[in-house]
Amino acid sequence: MYPLLNYKSIRKQTQELKLCPVLMGSAYKNKGVQLALDAVNEYLPDPGQKENQAFQLQDDKTEKVINLVNDQKLPFVGFAFKLEENRFGQLTYVRVYQGRLKKGDYIYNMGLKKRQKVSRMVKMHSNEMEDINEAGVGEIFAIFGLDCATGDTLCEGC
């Protein structure tokens, strides 16, 4: 990128929350988009470098902190972080924190206390959709027709 910048120092301070890089650009004609994507790769931690935690509700209504592990073999845990209404219906963007999710699986929505079937999964590429059959740890994808709200935790079982 730019030879005068010390990327290791910027990365270290960004991950310690001491520095917040600011980028200038525009999405118009994709000016600045590649710079932003390069910065995400260069400065932010990958999912394997970050420890993620969740709260597990116990029978006595207390919460227990559990660590989510980047392992495909463990039960699925995901986070619905964005909802979008388009011509095909509601699209829910999900990030997988643990496990693997396949088309046709049932997931439990912790916010709504509701079990739902995953009927269609897609990866988004700009304004194009690519149908997928499964998604694993660290992946971001979208699910059609899922009844949920932004911020809901989705998990396997129940």
Protein backbone atom coordinates (compact mmCIF):
# COMPACT_ATOMS: atom_id res chain seq x y z
CA MET A 1 0.00 0.00 0.00
CA TYR A 2 1.83 3.12 1.23
CA PRO A 3 5.53 2.68 2.17
CA LEU A 4 5.61 5.48 4.77
CA LEU A 5 3.07 3.85 7.07
CA ASN A 6 4.05 1.37 9.77
CA TYR A 7 1.30 -1.24 9.37
CA LYS A 8 2.38 -3.38 12.32
CA SER A 9 2.10 -0.42 14.67
CA ILE A 10 -1.30 0.65 13.30
CA ARG A 11 -2.58 -2.95 13.56
CA LYS A 12 -1.32 -3.35 17.14
CA GLN A 13 -2.83 -0.06 18.34
CA THR A 14 -6.11 -0.73 16.52
CA GLN A 15 -6.47 -4.13 18.16
CA GLU A 16 -5.67 -2.61 21.57
CA LEU A 17 -8.45 -0.04 20.91
CA LYS A 18 -5.96 2.84 21.17
CA LEU A 19 -6.31 3.90 17.53
CA CYS A 20 -9.19 4.02 15.08
CA PRO A 21 -8.06 4.27 11.45
CA VAL A 22 -10.17 6.60 9.33
CA LEU A 23 -10.30 6.11 5.58
CA MET A 24 -11.49 8.53 2.94
CA GLY A 25 -13.18 7.40 -0.24
CA SER A 26 -16.45 6.85 -2.00
CA ALA A 27 -18.50 3.85 -3.06
CA TYR A 28 -19.32 5.74 -6.25
CA LYS A 29 -17.53 3.89 -9.05
CA ASN A 30 -15.88 1.82 -6.27
CA LYS A 31 -13.41 4.57 -5.35
CA GLY A 32 -12.14 3.72 -1.90
CA VAL A 33 -13.94 0.39 -1.54
CA GLN A 34 -10.80 -1.66 -2.15
CA LEU A 35 -8.86 0.57 0.27
CA ALA A 36 -11.46 -0.14 2.98
CA LEU A 37 -11.36 -3.89 2.35
CA ASP A 38 -7.55 -3.87 2.41
CA ALA A 39 -7.64 -1.99 5.73
CA VAL A 40 -10.00 -4.58 7.27
CA ASN A 41 -7.58 -7.35 6.28
CA GLU A 42 -4.51 -5.40 7.39
CA TYR A 43 -5.62 -3.97 10.76
CA LEU A 44 -8.45 -6.03 12.25
CA PRO A 45 -8.03 -9.44 13.91
CA ASP A 46 -9.19 -12.54 12.12
CA PRO A 47 -11.80 -14.68 13.94
CA GLY A 48 -9.13 -17.08 15.20
CA GLN A 49 -7.28 -14.28 17.03
CA LYS A 50 -10.30 -13.01 18.94
CA GLU A 51 -11.91 -14.70 21.93
CA ASN A 52 -15.70 -14.61 21.68
CA GLN A 53 -17.96 -15.19 24.65
CA ALA A 54 -21.66 -15.84 25.07
CA PHE A 55 -24.02 -16.05 28.02
CA GLN A 56 -25.80 -19.33 28.66
CA LEU A 57 -29.05 -19.11 30.61
CA GLN A 58 -29.14 -21.66 33.43
CA ASP A 59 -32.24 -23.38 34.87
CA ASP A 60 -32.16 -21.08 37.92
CA LYS A 61 -32.37 -18.02 35.59
CA THR A 62 -28.72 -17.06 36.12
CA GLU A 63 -26.30 -16.57 33.24
CA LYS A 64 -23.07 -18.47 32.77
CA VAL A 65 -20.28 -17.12 30.55
CA ILE A 66 -19.10 -19.60 27.94
CA ASN A 67 -16.28 -19.24 25.43
CA LEU A 68 -17.16 -19.81 21.80
CA VAL A 69 -14.54 -21.88 20.01
CA ASN A 70 -13.72 -21.67 16.30
CA ASP A 71 -14.54 -25.32 15.74
CA GLN A 72 -16.79 -26.68 12.98
CA LYS A 73 -17.62 -29.80 15.04
CA LEU A 74 -19.21 -27.98 17.97
CA PRO A 75 -22.90 -26.97 18.03
CA PHE A 76 -23.85 -24.00 15.83
CA VAL A 77 -23.93 -20.50 17.35
CA GLY A 78 -24.59 -17.48 15.13
CA PHE A 79 -25.57 -13.84 15.43
CA ALA A 80 -28.22 -12.07 13.33
CA PHE A 81 -26.69 -8.64 12.83
CA LYS A 82 -28.68 -7.09 9.98
CA LEU A 83 -32.14 -7.39 8.44
CA GLU A 84 -32.97 -6.33 4.92
CA GLU A 85 -36.28 -6.33 3.09
CA ASN A 86 -35.93 -6.95 -0.63
CA ARG A 87 -38.09 -8.17 -3.49
CA PHE A 88 -37.70 -11.79 -2.33
CA GLY A 89 -38.71 -11.11 1.30
CA GLN A 90 -36.76 -10.61 4.51
CA LEU A 91 -33.07 -11.37 4.36
CA THR A 92 -31.25 -11.93 7.67
CA TYR A 93 -27.47 -11.53 7.71
CA VAL A 94 -25.75 -13.96 10.09
CA ARG A 95 -22.19 -14.44 11.30
CA VAL A 96 -21.17 -17.92 12.46
CA TYR A 97 -19.19 -17.91 15.73
CA GLN A 98 -19.11 -21.66 16.34
CA GLY A 99 -20.10 -24.80 14.50
CA ARG A 100 -21.60 -25.22 11.06
CA LEU A 101 -25.06 -24.58 9.62
CA LYS A 102 -26.53 -26.46 6.66
CA LYS A 103 -29.56 -25.75 4.52
CA GLY A 104 -32.50 -27.69 5.95
CA ASP A 105 -31.20 -27.58 9.55
CA TYR A 106 -33.35 -26.31 12.40
CA ILE A 107 -32.08 -23.45 14.53
CA TYR A 108 -33.36 -21.97 17.76
CA ASN A 109 -33.83 -18.20 17.99
CA MET A 110 -32.93 -17.21 21.56
CA GLY A 111 -34.65 -13.81 21.28
CA LEU A 112 -38.02 -15.16 20.16
CA LYS A 113 -37.67 -18.55 21.91
CA LYS A 114 -38.66 -20.13 18.61
CA ARG A 115 -37.39 -23.07 16.53
CA GLN A 116 -37.17 -22.40 12.78
CA LYS A 117 -36.06 -24.24 9.67
CA VAL A 118 -33.31 -22.82 7.46
CA SER A 119 -34.76 -23.06 3.98
CA ARG A 120 -32.46 -20.93 1.82
CA MET A 121 -28.95 -19.64 2.48
CA VAL A 122 -27.06 -17.18 0.27
CA LYS A 123 -23.73 -15.38 0.14
CA MET A 124 -23.99 -11.79 -0.97
CA HIS A 125 -21.60 -10.34 -3.52
CA SER A 126 -22.50 -6.67 -3.90
CA ASN A 127 -26.04 -6.90 -5.28
CA GLU A 128 -25.74 -10.52 -6.45
CA MET A 129 -26.74 -13.61 -4.47
CA GLU A 130 -25.02 -16.99 -4.58
CA ASP A 131 -26.97 -19.93 -3.15
CA ILE A 132 -24.96 -21.98 -0.65
CA ASN A 133 -25.68 -25.22 1.17
CA GLU A 134 -23.63 -24.63 4.33
CA ALA A 135 -21.64 -22.04 6.27
CA GLY A 136 -18.92 -22.48 8.87
CA VAL A 137 -17.03 -20.58 11.55
CA GLY A 138 -16.18 -16.97 10.65
CA GLU A 139 -18.43 -16.88 7.60
CA ILE A 140 -21.06 -14.25 6.97
CA PHE A 141 -24.11 -15.23 4.96
CA ALA A 142 -27.83 -14.50 4.73
CA ILE A 143 -30.96 -16.57 5.39
CA PHE A 144 -34.30 -16.00 3.69
CA GLY A 145 -37.58 -16.04 5.57
CA LEU A 146 -36.20 -16.19 9.09
CA ASP A 147 -38.42 -14.59 11.74
CA CYS A 148 -36.00 -12.64 13.94
CA ALA A 149 -34.73 -9.25 15.03
CA THR A 150 -31.34 -7.59 14.77
CA GLY A 151 -29.17 -8.81 17.63
CA ASP A 152 -30.81 -12.22 18.04
CA THR A 153 -28.58 -15.17 18.86
CA LEU A 154 -29.23 -18.26 16.76
CA CYS A 155 -28.12 -21.68 17.95
CA GLU A 156 -28.50 -25.38 17.36
CA GLY A 157 -30.94 -27.51 19.28
CA CYS A 158 -34.00 -27.02 21.50
